[in-house]
Amino acid sequence: MWANVKKVIRWLDENLESTLCMILLSTFTIVLFLQVVMRKVFNNSLSWSEELARYLFIWMVFIGISYGAKQMKHLKIDVFLKVFPKKVRPYVIIFADIIVLVFAAIVFYSAYVIVMQYHKLGATSPALKIPTWFVQSASLVGYGLTFIRQIQAIIFRIKELKAGDLDAFNPTPDEEVLL
C-alpha cells in the first residue's frame, strides 16, 4: 500500500503543475473557441464564457508561477550575477532563492487572509454563481505550491554546492539572455 502512495506522491511531484496548466489551458482554449463560434456563427453569445475564461486564466497564471519555480526557470538578471566571481555565484543564487521563498510565504499568508474574508462574505460570481473565494484561492494555491517548490530548489542547489558542481549554477547558452 505504501508503495502505491509513494508512486502517487512521486507522480504529483513530477507532474502536478504541468498537468493542471495543460488542463486549464485546454479548457480555456475550448471555452474561448466556443464563444467565438457562438458570436460569429450563431450571432449569440454565452453569458458565462468570458467569466470562466478569465478565472481559468487566473488559475493558470498562479499554477504557472509554481511550475516556473519547480523548473528553476524564473527570470533572473544574469548580468547582475556575472558581477560576482564564479565561486560566489552559487551563494548569490541560493540567497535569491531564499528571497523568493520569503516572498512566496508572505503572498501565501496574504492570500489566505483575503480568501478567508471572501469566504465570510459568501459572495458569488455574476454569471457562474461560483463562490468568489474559490477564484481568490488561485493565489493561495499557486504561492503555496511555489513555497514548496522553492524549498525543493534550495535543497537541490545546496546538494549541488556540496557536491562541488559549480557548473549547475551557471546558465547554459539557451538560458543566457543577452542584454
Foldseek 3Di string as FASTA:
>chain_A
DVVVVVVVVVCCLVPVLVVLLVVLVVVLVVLVVVQVCCCPPVVDGDPCSVVSSVLSVLLNVLSVLLVCLLVVQDDDDVVVLVVDPLLCSLVVVLVVLVVLLVVLVVQLVVLVVVLVVQVVVQAADDRPRHRPSVSSCSSNVSSVSNNVSSVVVSVVSVVCVVVVPSVVSDDDPVSDDDD
